[in-house]
Amino acid sequence: MPSAGERAPPFEGITGDGKRVRLEDFRGRTLVLYFYPKDDTPGCTRQACSLRDDAAALERAGVSVLGVSTQDEASHRAFAAKYRLGFPLLADTRGEVGRAYGVLGGPGLAGWLRGVLGWSARVTFVIGPDGTIAHVIRHPDVRRHAGEVLALLGSGRP
């Protein structure tokens, strides 16, 4: 798993709305690249809604948000529509982005099970405007995830 201070691994993929995105598309902005296990599950929904609810504060801080999980475009499209998410969800159906960021699989029984199910660990990478990882949130608080990000950036409540 990449650490703060390292270059973010490049990625490219298709979002739930059918658009192709690459890491380079976010140059000049801070990117919150958050990995989550599965669309429309309780923890994943709370996390996405936290980011949705604080979208204005994130925007003022110059932050773009991109969610990533291994479900397909149709699943992402339905999840985003159901909860009115205003940010894209990357369909990492082959797990290439998750593997590049070290969030698929892992040590122990939990890591093995995640790998078998194709679910990523819940980890967020805050990538600076220059493409360097500024922060890694290994165990995000799903209920107040946007606040965690804003606090790290010095732009909001802890």
C-alpha atoms as a PDB file:
ATOM      1  CA  MET A   1       0.000   0.000   0.000  1.00  0.00           C
ATOM      2  CA  PRO A   2       1.448   3.375  -0.965  1.00  0.00           C
ATOM      3  CA  SER A   3       2.269   5.773   1.861  1.00  0.00           C
ATOM      4  CA  ALA A   4       2.120   9.518   2.336  1.00  0.00           C
ATOM      5  CA  GLY A   5       4.916  11.231   0.425  1.00  0.00           C
ATOM      6  CA  GLU A   6       4.934   8.681  -2.416  1.00  0.00           C
ATOM      7  CA  ARG A   7       3.699   9.268  -5.944  1.00  0.00           C
ATOM      8  CA  ALA A   8       0.148   8.028  -6.370  1.00  0.00           C
ATOM      9  CA  PRO A   9      -0.041   5.011  -8.673  1.00  0.00           C
ATOM     10  CA  PRO A  10      -1.541   6.012 -12.017  1.00  0.00           C
ATOM     11  CA  PHE A  11      -4.945   4.589 -12.889  1.00  0.00           C
ATOM     12  CA  GLU A  12      -7.532   4.697 -15.617  1.00  0.00           C
ATOM     13  CA  GLY A  13     -11.069   3.362 -15.683  1.00  0.00           C
ATOM     14  CA  ILE A  14     -14.743   3.899 -16.396  1.00  0.00           C
ATOM     15  CA  THR A  15     -17.143   5.492 -13.945  1.00  0.00           C
ATOM     16  CA  GLY A  16     -20.751   4.528 -13.338  1.00  0.00           C
ATOM     17  CA  ASP A  17     -21.857   7.273 -15.709  1.00  0.00           C
ATOM     18  CA  GLY A  18     -19.691   5.823 -18.490  1.00  0.00           C
ATOM     19  CA  LYS A  19     -16.908   8.399 -18.428  1.00  0.00           C
ATOM     20  CA  ARG A  20     -13.246   7.455 -18.632  1.00  0.00           C
ATOM     21  CA  VAL A  21     -11.157   8.924 -15.808  1.00  0.00           C
ATOM     22  CA  ARG A  22      -7.436   8.920 -15.104  1.00  0.00           C
ATOM     23  CA  LEU A  23      -5.353  10.157 -12.208  1.00  0.00           C
ATOM     24  CA  GLU A  24      -3.969  12.852 -14.519  1.00  0.00           C
ATOM     25  CA  ASP A  25      -7.475  14.309 -14.889  1.00  0.00           C
ATOM     26  CA  PHE A  26      -7.217  15.556 -11.297  1.00  0.00           C
ATOM     27  CA  ARG A  27      -3.855  17.359 -11.611  1.00  0.00           C
ATOM     28  CA  GLY A  28      -4.002  20.731  -9.927  1.00  0.00           C
ATOM     29  CA  ARG A  29      -6.705  19.634  -7.473  1.00  0.00           C
ATOM     30  CA  THR A  30      -6.676  17.565  -4.324  1.00  0.00           C
ATOM     31  CA  LEU A  31      -8.242  14.161  -4.965  1.00  0.00           C
ATOM     32  CA  VAL A  32      -9.961  12.083  -2.314  1.00  0.00           C
ATOM     33  CA  LEU A  33      -9.641   8.590  -3.781  1.00  0.00           C
ATOM     34  CA  TYR A  34     -11.660   6.376  -1.493  1.00  0.00           C
ATOM     35  CA  PHE A  35     -11.916   2.621  -1.770  1.00  0.00           C
ATOM     36  CA  TYR A  36     -14.944   0.879  -0.333  1.00  0.00           C
ATOM     37  CA  PRO A  37     -16.097  -2.759  -0.277  1.00  0.00           C
ATOM     38  CA  LYS A  38     -19.524  -2.764  -1.920  1.00  0.00           C
ATOM     39  CA  ASP A  39     -22.264  -0.511  -3.280  1.00  0.00           C
ATOM     40  CA  ASP A  40     -25.425   0.006  -1.240  1.00  0.00           C
ATOM     41  CA  THR A  41     -24.250  -1.622   1.991  1.00  0.00           C
ATOM     42  CA  PRO A  42     -24.712   0.187   5.327  1.00  0.00           C
ATOM     43  CA  GLY A  43     -21.126   1.333   5.962  1.00  0.00           C
ATOM     44  CA  CYS A  44     -20.439   2.180   2.334  1.00  0.00           C
ATOM     45  CA  THR A  45     -23.664   4.150   2.101  1.00  0.00           C
ATOM     46  CA  ARG A  46     -22.890   6.150   5.260  1.00  0.00           C
ATOM     47  CA  GLN A  47     -19.398   6.936   3.943  1.00  0.00           C
ATOM     48  CA  ALA A  48     -20.648   8.057   0.521  1.00  0.00           C
ATOM     49  CA  CYS A  49     -23.417  10.146   2.084  1.00  0.00           C
ATOM     50  CA  SER A  50     -20.936  11.852   4.411  1.00  0.00           C
ATOM     51  CA  LEU A  51     -18.928  12.947   1.385  1.00  0.00           C
ATOM     52  CA  ARG A  52     -22.122  13.956  -0.431  1.00  0.00           C
ATOM     53  CA  ASP A  53     -23.439  15.978   2.509  1.00  0.00           C
ATOM     54  CA  ASP A  54     -20.213  17.990   2.833  1.00  0.00           C
ATOM     55  CA  ALA A  55     -19.714  18.439  -0.915  1.00  0.00           C
ATOM     56  CA  ALA A  56     -19.819  22.238  -0.682  1.00  0.00           C
ATOM     57  CA  ALA A  57     -17.073  22.355   1.966  1.00  0.00           C
ATOM     58  CA  LEU A  58     -14.970  19.881  -0.010  1.00  0.00           C
ATOM     59  CA  GLU A  59     -15.421  21.970  -3.154  1.00  0.00           C
ATOM     60  CA  ARG A  60     -14.380  25.155  -1.303  1.00  0.00           C
ATOM     61  CA  ALA A  61     -11.245  23.293  -0.191  1.00  0.00           C
ATOM     62  CA  GLY A  62     -10.451  22.436  -3.832  1.00  0.00           C
ATOM     63  CA  VAL A  63     -11.186  18.734  -3.373  1.00  0.00           C
ATOM     64  CA  SER A  64     -12.484  16.290  -5.972  1.00  0.00           C
ATOM     65  CA  VAL A  65     -13.911  12.950  -4.805  1.00  0.00           C
ATOM     66  CA  LEU A  66     -13.690   9.609  -6.604  1.00  0.00           C
ATOM     67  CA  GLY A  67     -15.051   6.421  -5.064  1.00  0.00           C
ATOM     68  CA  VAL A  68     -13.677   3.044  -6.163  1.00  0.00           C
ATOM     69  CA  SER A  69     -15.016  -0.474  -5.743  1.00  0.00           C
ATOM     70  CA  THR A  70     -15.136  -3.626  -7.808  1.00  0.00           C
ATOM     71  CA  GLN A  71     -18.822  -3.495  -8.748  1.00  0.00           C
ATOM     72  CA  ASP A  72     -19.715  -2.738 -12.343  1.00  0.00           C
ATOM     73  CA  GLU A  73     -20.942   0.463 -13.945  1.00  0.00           C
ATOM     74  CA  ALA A  74     -24.639  -0.439 -13.600  1.00  0.00           C
ATOM     75  CA  SER A  75     -24.245  -1.068  -9.862  1.00  0.00           C
ATOM     76  CA  HIS A  76     -22.412   2.236  -9.420  1.00  0.00           C
ATOM     77  CA  ARG A  77     -25.000   4.098 -11.480  1.00  0.00           C
ATOM     78  CA  ALA A  78     -27.857   2.705  -9.343  1.00  0.00           C
ATOM     79  CA  PHE A  79     -26.018   3.412  -6.073  1.00  0.00           C
ATOM     80  CA  ALA A  80     -25.190   6.984  -7.092  1.00  0.00           C
ATOM     81  CA  ALA A  81     -28.753   7.659  -8.256  1.00  0.00           C
ATOM     82  CA  LYS A  82     -30.380   6.148  -5.162  1.00  0.00           C
ATOM     83  CA  TYR A  83     -28.355   8.360  -2.807  1.00  0.00           C
ATOM     84  CA  ARG A  84     -27.921  11.355  -5.142  1.00  0.00           C
ATOM     85  CA  LEU A  85     -24.161  11.204  -5.001  1.00  0.00           C
ATOM     86  CA  GLY A  86     -22.595  14.139  -6.800  1.00  0.00           C
ATOM     87  CA  PHE A  87     -19.240  12.497  -7.461  1.00  0.00           C
ATOM     88  CA  PRO A  88     -18.169   9.646  -9.728  1.00  0.00           C
ATOM     89  CA  LEU A  89     -17.677   6.011  -8.748  1.00  0.00           C
ATOM     90  CA  LEU A  90     -14.990   4.094 -10.612  1.00  0.00           C
ATOM     91  CA  ALA A  91     -15.911   0.552 -11.689  1.00  0.00           C
ATOM     92  CA  ASP A  92     -12.739  -1.409 -10.873  1.00  0.00           C
ATOM     93  CA  THR A  93     -14.235  -4.726 -12.006  1.00  0.00           C
ATOM     94  CA  ARG A  94     -10.860  -6.410 -12.565  1.00  0.00           C
ATOM     95  CA  GLY A  95      -9.376  -5.006  -9.360  1.00  0.00           C
ATOM     96  CA  GLU A  96      -6.457  -3.339 -11.144  1.00  0.00           C
ATOM     97  CA  VAL A  97      -6.775  -0.025  -9.318  1.00  0.00           C
ATOM     98  CA  GLY A  98      -7.332  -1.743  -5.977  1.00  0.00           C
ATOM     99  CA  ARG A  99      -4.229  -3.883  -6.429  1.00  0.00           C
ATOM    100  CA  ALA A 100      -2.147  -0.835  -7.448  1.00  0.00           C
ATOM    101  CA  TYR A 101      -3.178   0.829  -4.186  1.00  0.00           C
ATOM    102  CA  GLY A 102      -2.787  -2.323  -2.094  1.00  0.00           C
ATOM    103  CA  VAL A 103      -6.384  -2.499  -0.890  1.00  0.00           C
ATOM    104  CA  LEU A 104      -7.425  -5.858  -2.379  1.00  0.00           C
ATOM    105  CA  GLY A 105      -6.550  -8.974  -0.444  1.00  0.00           C
ATOM    106  CA  GLY A 106      -4.026  -8.618   2.327  1.00  0.00           C
ATOM    107  CA  PRO A 107      -2.735 -10.556   5.317  1.00  0.00           C
ATOM    108  CA  GLY A 108      -4.855 -12.688   7.596  1.00  0.00           C
ATOM    109  CA  LEU A 109      -8.249 -14.247   7.188  1.00  0.00           C
ATOM    110  CA  ALA A 110     -10.006 -10.919   6.562  1.00  0.00           C
ATOM    111  CA  GLY A 111      -7.594 -10.045   3.754  1.00  0.00           C
ATOM    112  CA  TRP A 112      -7.956 -13.488   2.220  1.00  0.00           C
ATOM    113  CA  LEU A 113     -11.756 -13.263   2.370  1.00  0.00           C
ATOM    114  CA  ARG A 114     -11.767  -9.769   0.831  1.00  0.00           C
ATOM    115  CA  GLY A 115      -9.570 -11.087  -1.969  1.00  0.00           C
ATOM    116  CA  VAL A 116     -11.883 -14.035  -2.635  1.00  0.00           C
ATOM    117  CA  LEU A 117     -14.980 -11.817  -2.623  1.00  0.00           C
ATOM    118  CA  GLY A 118     -13.249  -9.119  -4.674  1.00  0.00           C
ATOM    119  CA  TRP A 119     -13.956  -6.462  -2.053  1.00  0.00           C
ATOM    120  CA  SER A 120     -11.412  -3.810  -1.260  1.00  0.00           C
ATOM    121  CA  ALA A 121     -10.446  -2.660   2.189  1.00  0.00           C
ATOM    122  CA  ARG A 122     -12.000   0.639   3.228  1.00  0.00           C
ATOM    123  CA  VAL A 123      -9.058   3.014   2.742  1.00  0.00           C
ATOM    124  CA  THR A 124      -8.876   6.617   1.562  1.00  0.00           C
ATOM    125  CA  PHE A 125      -5.943   8.271  -0.172  1.00  0.00           C
ATOM    126  CA  VAL A 126      -5.774  12.059  -0.210  1.00  0.00           C
ATOM    127  CA  ILE A 127      -3.702  12.887  -3.270  1.00  0.00           C
ATOM    128  CA  GLY A 128      -2.249  16.359  -3.591  1.00  0.00           C
ATOM    129  CA  PRO A 129      -2.477  18.549  -6.697  1.00  0.00           C
ATOM    130  CA  ASP A 130       0.994  17.349  -7.762  1.00  0.00           C
ATOM    131  CA  GLY A 131       0.023  13.641  -7.712  1.00  0.00           C
ATOM    132  CA  THR A 132       1.758  12.851  -4.416  1.00  0.00           C
ATOM    133  CA  ILE A 133      -0.128  11.055  -1.656  1.00  0.00           C
ATOM    134  CA  ALA A 134      -0.609  13.564   1.156  1.00  0.00           C
ATOM    135  CA  HIS A 135      -2.540  11.341   3.590  1.00  0.00           C
ATOM    136  CA  VAL A 136      -3.726   7.756   3.927  1.00  0.00           C
ATOM    137  CA  ILE A 137      -6.786   7.121   6.071  1.00  0.00           C
ATOM    138  CA  ARG A 138      -6.591   3.402   6.803  1.00  0.00           C
ATOM    139  CA  HIS A 139      -9.724   3.178   8.948  1.00  0.00           C
ATOM    140  CA  PRO A 140     -12.096   5.978   7.937  1.00  0.00           C
ATOM    141  CA  ASP A 141     -15.019   6.901  10.160  1.00  0.00           C
ATOM    142  CA  VAL A 142     -17.876   6.285   7.738  1.00  0.00           C
ATOM    143  CA  ARG A 143     -20.261   8.646   9.531  1.00  0.00           C
ATOM    144  CA  ARG A 144     -17.903  11.640   9.450  1.00  0.00           C
ATOM    145  CA  HIS A 145     -15.528  10.855   6.631  1.00  0.00           C
ATOM    146  CA  ALA A 146     -15.774  14.253   4.944  1.00  0.00           C
ATOM    147  CA  GLY A 147     -14.953  15.901   8.279  1.00  0.00           C
ATOM    148  CA  GLU A 148     -11.870  13.695   8.616  1.00  0.00           C
ATOM    149  CA  VAL A 149     -10.660  14.766   5.191  1.00  0.00           C
ATOM    150  CA  LEU A 150     -11.361  18.442   5.803  1.00  0.00           C
ATOM    151  CA  ALA A 151      -9.552  18.307   9.166  1.00  0.00           C
ATOM    152  CA  LEU A 152      -6.475  16.768   7.517  1.00  0.00           C
ATOM    153  CA  LEU A 153      -6.495  19.569   4.969  1.00  0.00           C
ATOM    154  CA  GLY A 154      -6.995  22.209   7.641  1.00  0.00           C
ATOM    155  CA  SER A 155     -10.264  23.215   6.013  1.00  0.00           C
ATOM    156  CA  GLY A 156     -12.962  22.083   8.371  1.00  0.00           C
ATOM    157  CA  ARG A 157     -14.132  20.486  11.542  1.00  0.00           C
ATOM    158  CA  PRO A 158     -12.297  17.536  13.093  1.00  0.00           C
END
